[in-house]
Full PDB file with SEQRES, HELIX, SHEET, SSBOND, CRYST1, ORIGX, SCALE, CONECT and MASTER records, all heavy atoms in Angstrom:
SEQRES   1 A   39  ALA ALA PHE ALA ARG VAL VAL ASP CYS ASP ARG THR ASP          
SEQRES   2 A   39  TYR ARG THR GLU ARG PRO TRP THR LYS GLN THR SER GLY          
SEQRES   3 A   39  VAL TRP ILE ASP ILE PHE PRO LEU ASP GLY VAL VAL SER          
SHEET    1 AA1 2 ALA A   4  ASP A   8  0                                        
SHEET    2 AA1 2 VAL A  27  ILE A  31 -1                                        
CRYST1    1.000    1.000    1.000  90.00  90.00  90.00 P 1           1          
ORIGX1      1.000000  0.000000  0.000000        0.00000                         
ORIGX2      0.000000  1.000000  0.000000        0.00000                         
ORIGX3      0.000000  0.000000  1.000000        0.00000                         
SCALE1      1.000000  0.000000  0.000000        0.00000                         
SCALE2      0.000000  1.000000  0.000000        0.00000                         
SCALE3      0.000000  0.000000  1.000000        0.00000                         
ATOM      1  N   ALA A   1       6.838 -18.422   5.012  1.00  0.00           N  
ATOM      2  CA  ALA A   1       6.916 -19.830   4.708  1.00  0.00           C  
ATOM      3  C   ALA A   1       7.290 -19.968   3.256  1.00  0.00           C  
ATOM      4  O   ALA A   1       6.783 -19.195   2.436  1.00  0.00           O  
ATOM      5  CB  ALA A   1       5.636 -20.577   5.024  1.00  0.00           C  
ATOM      6  N   ALA A   2       8.084 -20.959   2.908  1.00  0.00           N  
ATOM      7  CA  ALA A   2       8.543 -21.144   1.530  1.00  0.00           C  
ATOM      8  C   ALA A   2       7.573 -22.005   0.732  1.00  0.00           C  
ATOM      9  O   ALA A   2       7.948 -22.602  -0.270  1.00  0.00           O  
ATOM     10  CB  ALA A   2       9.944 -21.700   1.507  1.00  0.00           C  
ATOM     11  N   PHE A   3       6.340 -22.164   1.205  1.00  0.00           N  
ATOM     12  CA  PHE A   3       5.306 -22.917   0.508  1.00  0.00           C  
ATOM     13  C   PHE A   3       4.008 -22.109   0.606  1.00  0.00           C  
ATOM     14  O   PHE A   3       4.043 -20.933   0.955  1.00  0.00           O  
ATOM     15  CB  PHE A   3       5.163 -24.296   1.144  1.00  0.00           C  
ATOM     16  CG  PHE A   3       4.973 -24.287   2.664  1.00  0.00           C  
ATOM     17  CD1 PHE A   3       3.736 -24.219   3.252  1.00  0.00           C  
ATOM     18  CD2 PHE A   3       6.079 -24.338   3.525  1.00  0.00           C  
ATOM     19  CE1 PHE A   3       3.542 -24.198   4.620  1.00  0.00           C  
ATOM     20  CE2 PHE A   3       5.904 -24.331   4.899  1.00  0.00           C  
ATOM     21  CZ  PHE A   3       4.668 -24.259   5.452  1.00  0.00           C  
ATOM     22  N   ALA A   4       2.924 -22.702   0.123  1.00  0.00           N  
ATOM     23  CA  ALA A   4       1.642 -22.027   0.065  1.00  0.00           C  
ATOM     24  C   ALA A   4       0.634 -22.678   0.963  1.00  0.00           C  
ATOM     25  O   ALA A   4       0.781 -23.876   1.306  1.00  0.00           O  
ATOM     26  CB  ALA A   4       1.138 -21.990  -1.401  1.00  0.00           C  
ATOM     27  N   ARG A   5      -0.351 -21.932   1.303  1.00  0.00           N  
ATOM     28  CA  ARG A   5      -1.500 -22.442   2.056  1.00  0.00           C  
ATOM     29  C   ARG A   5      -2.797 -21.973   1.464  1.00  0.00           C  
ATOM     30  O   ARG A   5      -2.918 -20.782   1.091  1.00  0.00           O  
ATOM     31  CB  ARG A   5      -1.427 -22.036   3.514  1.00  0.00           C  
ATOM     32  CG  ARG A   5      -0.444 -22.854   4.322  1.00  0.00           C  
ATOM     33  CD  ARG A   5      -0.214 -22.344   5.732  1.00  0.00           C  
ATOM     34  NE  ARG A   5       0.514 -23.355   6.503  1.00  0.00           N  
ATOM     35  CZ  ARG A   5       1.174 -23.112   7.638  1.00  0.00           C  
ATOM     36  NH1 ARG A   5       1.165 -21.880   8.140  1.00  0.00           N  
ATOM     37  NH2 ARG A   5       1.805 -24.064   8.290  1.00  0.00           N  
ATOM     38  N   VAL A   6      -3.760 -22.854   1.350  1.00  0.00           N  
ATOM     39  CA  VAL A   6      -5.131 -22.465   1.013  1.00  0.00           C  
ATOM     40  C   VAL A   6      -5.905 -22.460   2.301  1.00  0.00           C  
ATOM     41  O   VAL A   6      -5.937 -23.428   3.046  1.00  0.00           O  
ATOM     42  CB  VAL A   6      -5.761 -23.435  -0.003  1.00  0.00           C  
ATOM     43  CG1 VAL A   6      -7.216 -23.005  -0.266  1.00  0.00           C  
ATOM     44  CG2 VAL A   6      -5.001 -23.373  -1.333  1.00  0.00           C  
ATOM     45  N   VAL A   7      -6.576 -21.304   2.573  1.00  0.00           N  
ATOM     46  CA  VAL A   7      -7.053 -21.010   3.866  1.00  0.00           C  
ATOM     47  C   VAL A   7      -8.550 -20.713   3.900  1.00  0.00           C  
ATOM     48  O   VAL A   7      -9.050 -20.024   3.000  1.00  0.00           O  
ATOM     49  CB  VAL A   7      -6.308 -19.760   4.454  1.00  0.00           C  
ATOM     50  CG1 VAL A   7      -6.678 -19.508   5.923  1.00  0.00           C  
ATOM     51  CG2 VAL A   7      -4.780 -19.935   4.346  1.00  0.00           C  
ATOM     52  N   ASP A   8      -9.229 -21.198   4.915  1.00  0.00           N  
ATOM     53  CA  ASP A   8     -10.633 -20.825   5.161  1.00  0.00           C  
ATOM     54  C   ASP A   8     -10.605 -19.640   6.115  1.00  0.00           C  
ATOM     55  O   ASP A   8     -10.384 -19.795   7.301  1.00  0.00           O  
ATOM     56  CB  ASP A   8     -11.338 -22.033   5.802  1.00  0.00           C  
ATOM     57  CG  ASP A   8     -12.785 -21.720   6.147  1.00  0.00           C  
ATOM     58  OD1 ASP A   8     -13.130 -20.552   6.540  1.00  0.00           O  
ATOM     59  OD2 ASP A   8     -13.608 -22.616   6.025  1.00  0.00           O  
ATOM     60  N   CYS A   9     -10.791 -18.455   5.566  1.00  0.00           N  
ATOM     61  CA  CYS A   9     -10.788 -17.246   6.372  1.00  0.00           C  
ATOM     62  C   CYS A   9     -12.187 -16.786   6.784  1.00  0.00           C  
ATOM     63  O   CYS A   9     -12.355 -15.955   7.660  1.00  0.00           O  
ATOM     64  CB  CYS A   9     -10.124 -16.088   5.600  1.00  0.00           C  
ATOM     65  SG  CYS A   9      -8.402 -16.410   5.144  1.00  0.00           S  
ATOM     66  N   ASP A  10     -13.224 -17.317   6.081  1.00  0.00           N  
ATOM     67  CA  ASP A  10     -14.615 -16.868   6.333  1.00  0.00           C  
ATOM     68  C   ASP A  10     -15.176 -17.471   7.595  1.00  0.00           C  
ATOM     69  O   ASP A  10     -15.827 -16.799   8.405  1.00  0.00           O  
ATOM     70  CB  ASP A  10     -15.474 -17.201   5.153  1.00  0.00           C  
ATOM     71  CG  ASP A  10     -15.153 -16.382   3.942  1.00  0.00           C  
ATOM     72  OD1 ASP A  10     -14.493 -15.366   4.046  1.00  0.00           O  
ATOM     73  OD2 ASP A  10     -15.557 -16.793   2.828  1.00  0.00           O  
ATOM     74  N   ARG A  11     -14.923 -18.785   7.796  1.00  0.00           N  
ATOM     75  CA  ARG A  11     -15.589 -19.488   8.967  1.00  0.00           C  
ATOM     76  C   ARG A  11     -14.682 -19.621  10.168  1.00  0.00           C  
ATOM     77  O   ARG A  11     -15.171 -19.782  11.280  1.00  0.00           O  
ATOM     78  CB  ARG A  11     -16.016 -20.875   8.507  1.00  0.00           C  
ATOM     79  CG  ARG A  11     -17.077 -20.929   7.424  1.00  0.00           C  
ATOM     80  CD  ARG A  11     -17.460 -22.353   7.087  1.00  0.00           C  
ATOM     81  NE  ARG A  11     -16.334 -23.077   6.511  1.00  0.00           N  
ATOM     82  CZ  ARG A  11     -16.301 -24.399   6.374  1.00  0.00           C  
ATOM     83  NH1 ARG A  11     -17.315 -25.139   6.802  1.00  0.00           N  
ATOM     84  NH2 ARG A  11     -15.250 -24.987   5.802  1.00  0.00           N  
ATOM     85  N   THR A  12     -13.348 -19.614   9.948  1.00  0.00           N  
ATOM     86  CA  THR A  12     -12.431 -19.983  11.048  1.00  0.00           C  
ATOM     87  C   THR A  12     -11.325 -18.942  11.240  1.00  0.00           C  
ATOM     88  O   THR A  12     -11.056 -18.128  10.390  1.00  0.00           O  
ATOM     89  CB  THR A  12     -11.768 -21.325  10.747  1.00  0.00           C  
ATOM     90  OG1 THR A  12     -10.988 -21.280   9.534  1.00  0.00           O  
ATOM     91  CG2 THR A  12     -12.828 -22.426  10.607  1.00  0.00           C  
ATOM     92  N   ASP A  13     -10.696 -19.036  12.383  1.00  0.00           N  
ATOM     93  CA  ASP A  13      -9.588 -18.153  12.766  1.00  0.00           C  
ATOM     94  C   ASP A  13      -8.579 -18.999  13.503  1.00  0.00           C  
ATOM     95  O   ASP A  13      -8.852 -20.216  13.737  1.00  0.00           O  
ATOM     96  CB  ASP A  13     -10.141 -17.042  13.698  1.00  0.00           C  
ATOM     97  CG  ASP A  13      -9.184 -15.824  13.721  1.00  0.00           C  
ATOM     98  OD1 ASP A  13      -8.020 -15.963  13.260  1.00  0.00           O  
ATOM     99  OD2 ASP A  13      -9.590 -14.770  14.260  1.00  0.00           O  
ATOM    100  N   TYR A  14      -7.458 -18.450  13.898  1.00  0.00           N  
ATOM    101  CA  TYR A  14      -6.468 -19.236  14.668  1.00  0.00           C  
ATOM    102  C   TYR A  14      -5.693 -18.315  15.586  1.00  0.00           C  
ATOM    103  O   TYR A  14      -5.626 -17.083  15.376  1.00  0.00           O  
ATOM    104  CB  TYR A  14      -5.576 -20.070  13.752  1.00  0.00           C  
ATOM    105  CG  TYR A  14      -4.363 -19.290  13.185  1.00  0.00           C  
ATOM    106  CD1 TYR A  14      -3.062 -19.578  13.552  1.00  0.00           C  
ATOM    107  CD2 TYR A  14      -4.574 -18.222  12.267  1.00  0.00           C  
ATOM    108  CE1 TYR A  14      -1.970 -18.902  13.061  1.00  0.00           C  
ATOM    109  CE2 TYR A  14      -3.463 -17.589  11.718  1.00  0.00           C  
ATOM    110  CZ  TYR A  14      -2.188 -17.889  12.148  1.00  0.00           C  
ATOM    111  OH  TYR A  14      -1.093 -17.216  11.602  1.00  0.00           O  
ATOM    112  N   ARG A  15      -5.090 -18.875  16.612  1.00  0.00           N  
ATOM    113  CA  ARG A  15      -4.268 -18.127  17.534  1.00  0.00           C  
ATOM    114  C   ARG A  15      -2.970 -18.862  17.842  1.00  0.00           C  
ATOM    115  O   ARG A  15      -2.966 -20.068  18.073  1.00  0.00           O  
ATOM    116  CB  ARG A  15      -5.057 -17.960  18.898  1.00  0.00           C  
ATOM    117  CG  ARG A  15      -6.294 -17.089  18.788  1.00  0.00           C  
ATOM    118  CD  ARG A  15      -5.948 -15.619  18.577  1.00  0.00           C  
ATOM    119  NE  ARG A  15      -7.160 -14.807  18.548  1.00  0.00           N  
ATOM    120  CZ  ARG A  15      -7.866 -14.527  17.455  1.00  0.00           C  
ATOM    121  NH1 ARG A  15      -7.461 -15.025  16.302  1.00  0.00           N  
ATOM    122  NH2 ARG A  15      -8.913 -13.795  17.502  1.00  0.00           N  
ATOM    123  N   THR A  16      -1.911 -18.119  17.742  1.00  0.00           N  
ATOM    124  CA  THR A  16      -0.588 -18.630  18.122  1.00  0.00           C  
ATOM    125  C   THR A  16       0.302 -17.418  18.321  1.00  0.00           C  
ATOM    126  O   THR A  16       0.035 -16.356  17.767  1.00  0.00           O  
ATOM    127  CB  THR A  16       0.032 -19.515  17.039  1.00  0.00           C  
ATOM    128  OG1 THR A  16       1.330 -19.949  17.404  1.00  0.00           O  
ATOM    129  CG2 THR A  16       0.120 -18.839  15.701  1.00  0.00           C  
ATOM    130  N   GLU A  17       1.401 -17.575  19.053  1.00  0.00           N  
ATOM    131  CA  GLU A  17       2.315 -16.477  19.306  1.00  0.00           C  
ATOM    132  C   GLU A  17       3.313 -16.325  18.135  1.00  0.00           C  
ATOM    133  O   GLU A  17       4.105 -15.345  18.117  1.00  0.00           O  
ATOM    134  CB  GLU A  17       3.054 -16.647  20.588  1.00  0.00           C  
ATOM    135  CG  GLU A  17       2.198 -16.390  21.852  1.00  0.00           C  
ATOM    136  CD  GLU A  17       2.981 -16.127  23.116  1.00  0.00           C  
ATOM    137  OE1 GLU A  17       4.237 -16.354  23.079  1.00  0.00           O  
ATOM    138  OE2 GLU A  17       2.415 -15.659  24.079  1.00  0.00           O  
ATOM    139  N   ARG A  18       3.314 -17.287  17.194  1.00  0.00           N  
ATOM    140  CA  ARG A  18       4.201 -17.205  16.040  1.00  0.00           C  
ATOM    141  C   ARG A  18       3.387 -17.281  14.725  1.00  0.00           C  
ATOM    142  O   ARG A  18       3.510 -18.278  14.028  1.00  0.00           O  
ATOM    143  CB  ARG A  18       5.289 -18.277  16.101  1.00  0.00           C  
ATOM    144  CG  ARG A  18       6.306 -18.028  17.167  1.00  0.00           C  
ATOM    145  CD  ARG A  18       7.486 -19.018  17.061  1.00  0.00           C  
ATOM    146  NE  ARG A  18       8.475 -18.795  18.076  1.00  0.00           N  
ATOM    147  CZ  ARG A  18       9.448 -17.946  18.000  1.00  0.00           C  
ATOM    148  NH1 ARG A  18       9.584 -17.193  16.960  1.00  0.00           N  
ATOM    149  NH2 ARG A  18      10.352 -17.810  18.993  1.00  0.00           N  
ATOM    150  N   PRO A  19       2.566 -16.301  14.477  1.00  0.00           N  
ATOM    151  CA  PRO A  19       1.739 -16.363  13.257  1.00  0.00           C  
ATOM    152  C   PRO A  19       2.591 -16.378  12.011  1.00  0.00           C  
ATOM    153  O   PRO A  19       3.620 -15.721  11.900  1.00  0.00           O  
ATOM    154  CB  PRO A  19       0.927 -15.034  13.319  1.00  0.00           C  
ATOM    155  CG  PRO A  19       1.005 -14.561  14.710  1.00  0.00           C  
ATOM    156  CD  PRO A  19       2.339 -15.011  15.204  1.00  0.00           C  
ATOM    157  N   TRP A  20       2.143 -17.137  11.007  1.00  0.00           N  
ATOM    158  CA  TRP A  20       2.954 -17.264   9.793  1.00  0.00           C  
ATOM    159  C   TRP A  20       2.703 -16.129   8.839  1.00  0.00           C  
ATOM    160  O   TRP A  20       3.410 -15.904   7.854  1.00  0.00           O  
ATOM    161  CB  TRP A  20       2.712 -18.611   9.125  1.00  0.00           C  
ATOM    162  CG  TRP A  20       1.278 -18.791   8.618  1.00  0.00           C  
ATOM    163  CD1 TRP A  20       0.171 -18.998   9.430  1.00  0.00           C  
ATOM    164  CD2 TRP A  20       0.835 -18.721   7.325  1.00  0.00           C  
ATOM    165  NE1 TRP A  20      -0.913 -19.077   8.645  1.00  0.00           N  
ATOM    166  CE2 TRP A  20      -0.550 -18.927   7.358  1.00  0.00           C  
ATOM    167  CE3 TRP A  20       1.455 -18.533   6.098  1.00  0.00           C  
ATOM    168  CZ2 TRP A  20      -1.367 -18.924   6.207  1.00  0.00           C  
ATOM    169  CZ3 TRP A  20       0.682 -18.585   4.909  1.00  0.00           C  
ATOM    170  CH2 TRP A  20      -0.727 -18.745   5.007  1.00  0.00           C  
ATOM    171  N   THR A  21       1.630 -15.353   9.069  1.00  0.00           N  
ATOM    172  CA  THR A  21       1.319 -14.187   8.226  1.00  0.00           C  
ATOM    173  C   THR A  21       0.610 -13.139   9.036  1.00  0.00           C  
ATOM    174  O   THR A  21      -0.005 -13.470  10.104  1.00  0.00           O  
ATOM    175  CB  THR A  21       0.388 -14.633   7.068  1.00  0.00           C  
ATOM    176  OG1 THR A  21      -0.036 -13.474   6.334  1.00  0.00           O  
ATOM    177  CG2 THR A  21      -0.864 -15.345   7.584  1.00  0.00           C  
ATOM    178  N   LYS A  22       0.653 -11.899   8.602  1.00  0.00           N  
ATOM    179  CA  LYS A  22      -0.101 -10.821   9.238  1.00  0.00           C  
ATOM    180  C   LYS A  22      -1.561 -10.819   8.790  1.00  0.00           C  
ATOM    181  O   LYS A  22      -2.374 -10.184   9.415  1.00  0.00           O  
ATOM    182  CB  LYS A  22       0.542  -9.451   8.952  1.00  0.00           C  
ATOM    183  CG  LYS A  22       1.832  -9.181   9.682  1.00  0.00           C  
ATOM    184  CD  LYS A  22       2.376  -7.799   9.375  1.00  0.00           C  
ATOM    185  CE  LYS A  22       3.663  -7.551  10.150  1.00  0.00           C  
ATOM    186  NZ  LYS A  22       4.214  -6.217   9.823  1.00  0.00           N  
ATOM    187  N   GLN A  23      -1.836 -11.477   7.675  1.00  0.00           N  
ATOM    188  CA  GLN A  23      -3.190 -11.492   7.173  1.00  0.00           C  
ATOM    189  C   GLN A  23      -4.156 -12.282   8.080  1.00  0.00           C  
ATOM    190  O   GLN A  23      -3.690 -13.146   8.846  1.00  0.00           O  
ATOM    191  CB  GLN A  23      -3.243 -12.169   5.779  1.00  0.00           C  
ATOM    192  CG  GLN A  23      -2.727 -11.298   4.657  1.00  0.00           C  
ATOM    193  CD  GLN A  23      -3.123 -11.830   3.337  1.00  0.00           C  
ATOM    194  OE1 GLN A  23      -4.303 -12.133   3.117  1.00  0.00           O  
ATOM    195  NE2 GLN A  23      -2.187 -11.969   2.400  1.00  0.00           N  
ATOM    196  N   THR A  24      -5.407 -11.984   7.952  1.00  0.00           N  
ATOM    197  CA  THR A  24      -6.388 -12.835   8.632  1.00  0.00           C  
ATOM    198  C   THR A  24      -6.325 -14.208   8.038  1.00  0.00           C  
ATOM    199  O   THR A  24      -6.243 -14.416   6.838  1.00  0.00           O  
ATOM    200  CB  THR A  24      -7.813 -12.238   8.391  1.00  0.00           C  
ATOM    201  OG1 THR A  24      -7.847 -10.915   8.915  1.00  0.00           O  
ATOM    202  CG2 THR A  24      -8.847 -13.122   9.026  1.00  0.00           C  
ATOM    203  N   SER A  25      -6.283 -15.217   8.911  1.00  0.00           N  
ATOM    204  CA  SER A  25      -6.119 -16.569   8.473  1.00  0.00           C  
ATOM    205  C   SER A  25      -7.045 -17.486   9.308  1.00  0.00           C  
ATOM    206  O   SER A  25      -7.630 -17.045  10.308  1.00  0.00           O  
ATOM    207  CB  SER A  25      -4.664 -17.015   8.587  1.00  0.00           C  
ATOM    208  OG  SER A  25      -4.475 -18.344   8.136  1.00  0.00           O  
ATOM    209  N   GLY A  26      -7.119 -18.721   8.892  1.00  0.00           N  
ATOM    210  CA  GLY A  26      -7.901 -19.694   9.624  1.00  0.00           C  
ATOM    211  C   GLY A  26      -7.362 -21.120   9.361  1.00  0.00           C  
ATOM    212  O   GLY A  26      -6.151 -21.270   9.164  1.00  0.00           O  
ATOM    213  N   VAL A  27      -8.234 -22.080   9.316  1.00  0.00           N  
ATOM    214  CA  VAL A  27      -7.779 -23.445   9.017  1.00  0.00           C  
ATOM    215  C   VAL A  27      -7.226 -23.486   7.603  1.00  0.00           C  
ATOM    216  O   VAL A  27      -7.746 -22.842   6.671  1.00  0.00           O  
ATOM    217  CB  VAL A  27      -8.961 -24.420   9.141  1.00  0.00           C  
ATOM    218  CG1 VAL A  27      -8.556 -25.821   8.682  1.00  0.00           C  
ATOM    219  CG2 VAL A  27      -9.503 -24.432  10.559  1.00  0.00           C  
ATOM    220  N   TRP A  28      -6.143 -24.221   7.443  1.00  0.00           N  
ATOM    221  CA  TRP A  28      -5.484 -24.274   6.095  1.00  0.00           C  
ATOM    222  C   TRP A  28      -5.113 -25.722   5.733  1.00  0.00           C  
ATOM    223  O   TRP A  28      -5.093 -26.600   6.558  1.00  0.00           O  
ATOM    224  CB  TRP A  28      -4.218 -23.398   6.152  1.00  0.00           C  
ATOM    225  CG  TRP A  28      -3.235 -23.816   7.196  1.00  0.00           C  
ATOM    226  CD1 TRP A  28      -2.467 -24.917   7.249  1.00  0.00           C  
ATOM    227  CD2 TRP A  28      -2.942 -23.083   8.373  1.00  0.00           C  
ATOM    228  NE1 TRP A  28      -1.714 -24.931   8.411  1.00  0.00           N  
ATOM    229  CE2 TRP A  28      -1.974 -23.809   9.118  1.00  0.00           C  
ATOM    230  CE3 TRP A  28      -3.401 -21.857   8.912  1.00  0.00           C  
ATOM    231  CZ2 TRP A  28      -1.428 -23.385  10.350  1.00  0.00           C  
ATOM    232  CZ3 TRP A  28      -2.893 -21.459  10.124  1.00  0.00           C  
ATOM    233  CH2 TRP A  28      -1.921 -22.170  10.822  1.00  0.00           C  
ATOM    234  N   ILE A  29      -4.740 -25.879   4.457  1.00  0.00           N  
ATOM    235  CA  ILE A  29      -3.977 -27.062   4.069  1.00  0.00           C  
ATOM    236  C   ILE A  29      -2.677 -26.554   3.461  1.00  0.00           C  
ATOM    237  O   ILE A  29      -2.642 -25.485   2.892  1.00  0.00           O  
ATOM    238  CB  ILE A  29      -4.753 -27.967   3.081  1.00  0.00           C  
ATOM    239  CG1 ILE A  29      -4.873 -27.309   1.668  1.00  0.00           C  
ATOM    240  CG2 ILE A  29      -6.099 -28.346   3.618  1.00  0.00           C  
ATOM    241  CD1 ILE A  29      -5.383 -28.257   0.593  1.00  0.00           C  
ATOM    242  N   ASP A  30      -1.613 -27.350   3.614  1.00  0.00           N  
ATOM    243  CA  ASP A  30      -0.290 -26.978   3.117  1.00  0.00           C  
ATOM    244  C   ASP A  30      -0.044 -27.502   1.743  1.00  0.00           C  
ATOM    245  O   ASP A  30      -0.392 -28.643   1.412  1.00  0.00           O  
ATOM    246  CB  ASP A  30       0.792 -27.516   4.026  1.00  0.00           C  
ATOM    247  CG  ASP A  30       0.802 -26.883   5.445  1.00  0.00           C  
ATOM    248  OD1 ASP A  30       0.463 -25.685   5.492  1.00  0.00           O  
ATOM    249  OD2 ASP A  30       1.099 -27.539   6.405  1.00  0.00           O  
ATOM    250  N   ILE A  31       0.571 -26.659   0.880  1.00  0.00           N  
ATOM    251  CA  ILE A  31       0.918 -27.066  -0.507  1.00  0.00           C  
ATOM    252  C   ILE A  31       2.447 -26.821  -0.634  1.00  0.00           C  
ATOM    253  O   ILE A  31       2.925 -25.729  -0.695  1.00  0.00           O  
ATOM    254  CB  ILE A  31       0.166 -26.265  -1.540  1.00  0.00           C  
ATOM    255  CG1 ILE A  31      -1.341 -26.380  -1.275  1.00  0.00           C  
ATOM    256  CG2 ILE A  31       0.521 -26.717  -2.937  1.00  0.00           C  
ATOM    257  CD1 ILE A  31      -2.204 -25.564  -2.201  1.00  0.00           C  
ATOM    258  N   PHE A  32       3.169 -27.936  -0.748  1.00  0.00           N  
ATOM    259  CA  PHE A  32       4.630 -27.903  -0.815  1.00  0.00           C  
ATOM    260  C   PHE A  32       5.108 -28.090  -2.256  1.00  0.00           C  
ATOM    261  O   PHE A  32       4.722 -29.100  -2.922  1.00  0.00           O  
ATOM    262  CB  PHE A  32       5.271 -29.011   0.048  1.00  0.00           C  
ATOM    263  CG  PHE A  32       4.863 -28.911   1.519  1.00  0.00           C  
ATOM    264  CD1 PHE A  32       4.069 -29.886   2.076  1.00  0.00           C  
ATOM    265  CD2 PHE A  32       5.287 -27.854   2.288  1.00  0.00           C  
ATOM    266  CE1 PHE A  32       3.717 -29.819   3.419  1.00  0.00           C  
ATOM    267  CE2 PHE A  32       4.948 -27.763   3.642  1.00  0.00           C  
ATOM    268  CZ  PHE A  32       4.128 -28.769   4.208  1.00  0.00           C  
ATOM    269  N   PRO A  33       5.996 -27.208  -2.740  1.00  0.00           N  
ATOM    270  CA  PRO A  33       6.573 -27.413  -4.099  1.00  0.00           C  
ATOM    271  C   PRO A  33       7.674 -28.457  -4.042  1.00  0.00           C  
ATOM    272  O   PRO A  33       8.374 -28.606  -3.045  1.00  0.00           O  
ATOM    273  CB  PRO A  33       7.111 -26.029  -4.421  1.00  0.00           C  
ATOM    274  CG  PRO A  33       7.472 -25.436  -3.071  1.00  0.00           C  
ATOM    275  CD  PRO A  33       6.444 -25.933  -2.119  1.00  0.00           C  
ATOM    276  N   LEU A  34       7.829 -29.133  -5.159  1.00  0.00           N  
ATOM    277  CA  LEU A  34       8.898 -30.108  -5.350  1.00  0.00           C  
ATOM    278  C   LEU A  34       9.932 -29.592  -6.352  1.00  0.00           C  
ATOM    279  O   LEU A  34       9.499 -29.134  -7.407  1.00  0.00           O  
ATOM    280  CB  LEU A  34       8.327 -31.439  -5.832  1.00  0.00           C  
ATOM    281  CG  LEU A  34       7.238 -32.090  -4.985  1.00  0.00           C  
ATOM    282  CD1 LEU A  34       6.696 -33.338  -5.630  1.00  0.00           C  
ATOM    283  CD2 LEU A  34       7.740 -32.383  -3.551  1.00  0.00           C  
ATOM    284  N   ASP A  35      11.213 -29.636  -6.023  1.00  0.00           N  
ATOM    285  CA  ASP A  35      12.240 -29.094  -6.860  1.00  0.00           C  
ATOM    286  C   ASP A  35      13.288 -30.142  -7.240  1.00  0.00           C  
ATOM    287  O   ASP A  35      13.430 -31.145  -6.606  1.00  0.00           O  
ATOM    288  CB  ASP A  35      12.924 -27.907  -6.140  1.00  0.00           C  
ATOM    289  CG  ASP A  35      11.993 -26.713  -6.035  1.00  0.00           C  
ATOM    290  OD1 ASP A  35      11.652 -26.129  -7.038  1.00  0.00           O  
ATOM    291  OD2 ASP A  35      11.590 -26.417  -4.881  1.00  0.00           O  
ATOM    292  N   GLY A  36      14.036 -29.830  -8.319  1.00  0.00           N  
ATOM    293  CA  GLY A  36      14.980 -30.769  -8.876  1.00  0.00           C  
ATOM    294  C   GLY A  36      16.180 -31.001  -7.989  1.00  0.00           C  
ATOM    295  O   GLY A  36      16.630 -30.093  -7.262  1.00  0.00           O  
ATOM    296  N   VAL A  37      16.700 -32.223  -8.023  1.00  0.00           N  
ATOM    297  CA  VAL A  37      17.915 -32.621  -7.307  1.00  0.00           C  
ATOM    298  C   VAL A  37      18.817 -33.395  -8.266  1.00  0.00           C  
ATOM    299  O   VAL A  37      18.303 -34.249  -9.023  1.00  0.00           O  
ATOM    300  CB  VAL A  37      17.534 -33.526  -6.055  1.00  0.00           C  
ATOM    301  CG1 VAL A  37      18.762 -34.081  -5.431  1.00  0.00           C  
ATOM    302  CG2 VAL A  37      16.693 -32.684  -5.056  1.00  0.00           C  
ATOM    303  N   VAL A  38      20.082 -33.190  -8.218  1.00  0.00           N  
ATOM    304  CA  VAL A  38      21.014 -33.854  -9.160  1.00  0.00           C  
ATOM    305  C   VAL A  38      21.810 -34.996  -8.495  1.00  0.00           C  
ATOM    306  O   VAL A  38      22.164 -35.955  -9.209  1.00  0.00           O  
ATOM    307  CB  VAL A  38      21.988 -32.845  -9.785  1.00  0.00           C  
ATOM    308  CG1 VAL A  38      21.209 -31.850 -10.649  1.00  0.00           C  
ATOM    309  CG2 VAL A  38      22.852 -32.111  -8.777  1.00  0.00           C  
ATOM    310  N   SER A  39      22.102 -34.892  -7.224  1.00  0.00           N  
ATOM    311  CA  SER A  39      22.885 -35.952  -6.549  1.00  0.00           C  
ATOM    312  C   SER A  39      22.628 -35.843  -5.056  1.00  0.00           C  
ATOM    313  O   SER A  39      22.265 -34.796  -4.523  1.00  0.00           O  
ATOM    314  CB  SER A  39      24.360 -35.856  -6.848  1.00  0.00           C  
ATOM    315  OG  SER A  39      24.914 -34.723  -6.200  1.00  0.00           O  
TER     316      SER A  39                                                      
MASTER        0    0    0    0    2    0    0    6  315    1    0    3          
END                                                                             
């Protein structure tokens, strides 16, 4: 993913067939960067 996530790995887990990372993960919030645009 081209953004970041802050993840609760201690209390929670998740399941999907398209995991976004190989790391142990759980509930997250998404953090999206904002970049410059000229036109």
